[in-house]
């Protein structure tokens, strides 16, 4: 026989898990209707009520993300690479060298492409 607190915990976990799975399905299907259902749902545990408030607060942004698939992943990756360079170098004395090291590491990034285009603006030497 389960104790009362154990039954309460089981109920709490099953409701939380159900809400979480419905949230994952909403995002996977990019469904505005499912999002609205999640926001209107009642009888949730306190932690899921907090999630529900956040969903309601950012509803328009979430819906926009269903249609416009932009991500800040590439920028986060670039920032992470720069932090790793900084950490493994134990600090650079010269900012120019630090900058060059970053540009070399990020060959295909927008930073490096812009840097290369600046250097190629020099006039070519005439061959006689």
Foldseek 3Di string as FASTA:
>chain_A
DDDPVVVVVVVQVVLVVVLVVLVVVCLVVLDLVSLVVSLPDDDHPPVSVVVSVVCVVCVVVSNVCSPDVDDCVVVVVLVVVLVVLCVVVVDDPDVVVSVVVSLVVPVPDPVVVVVVVVVVVDDDDDDD
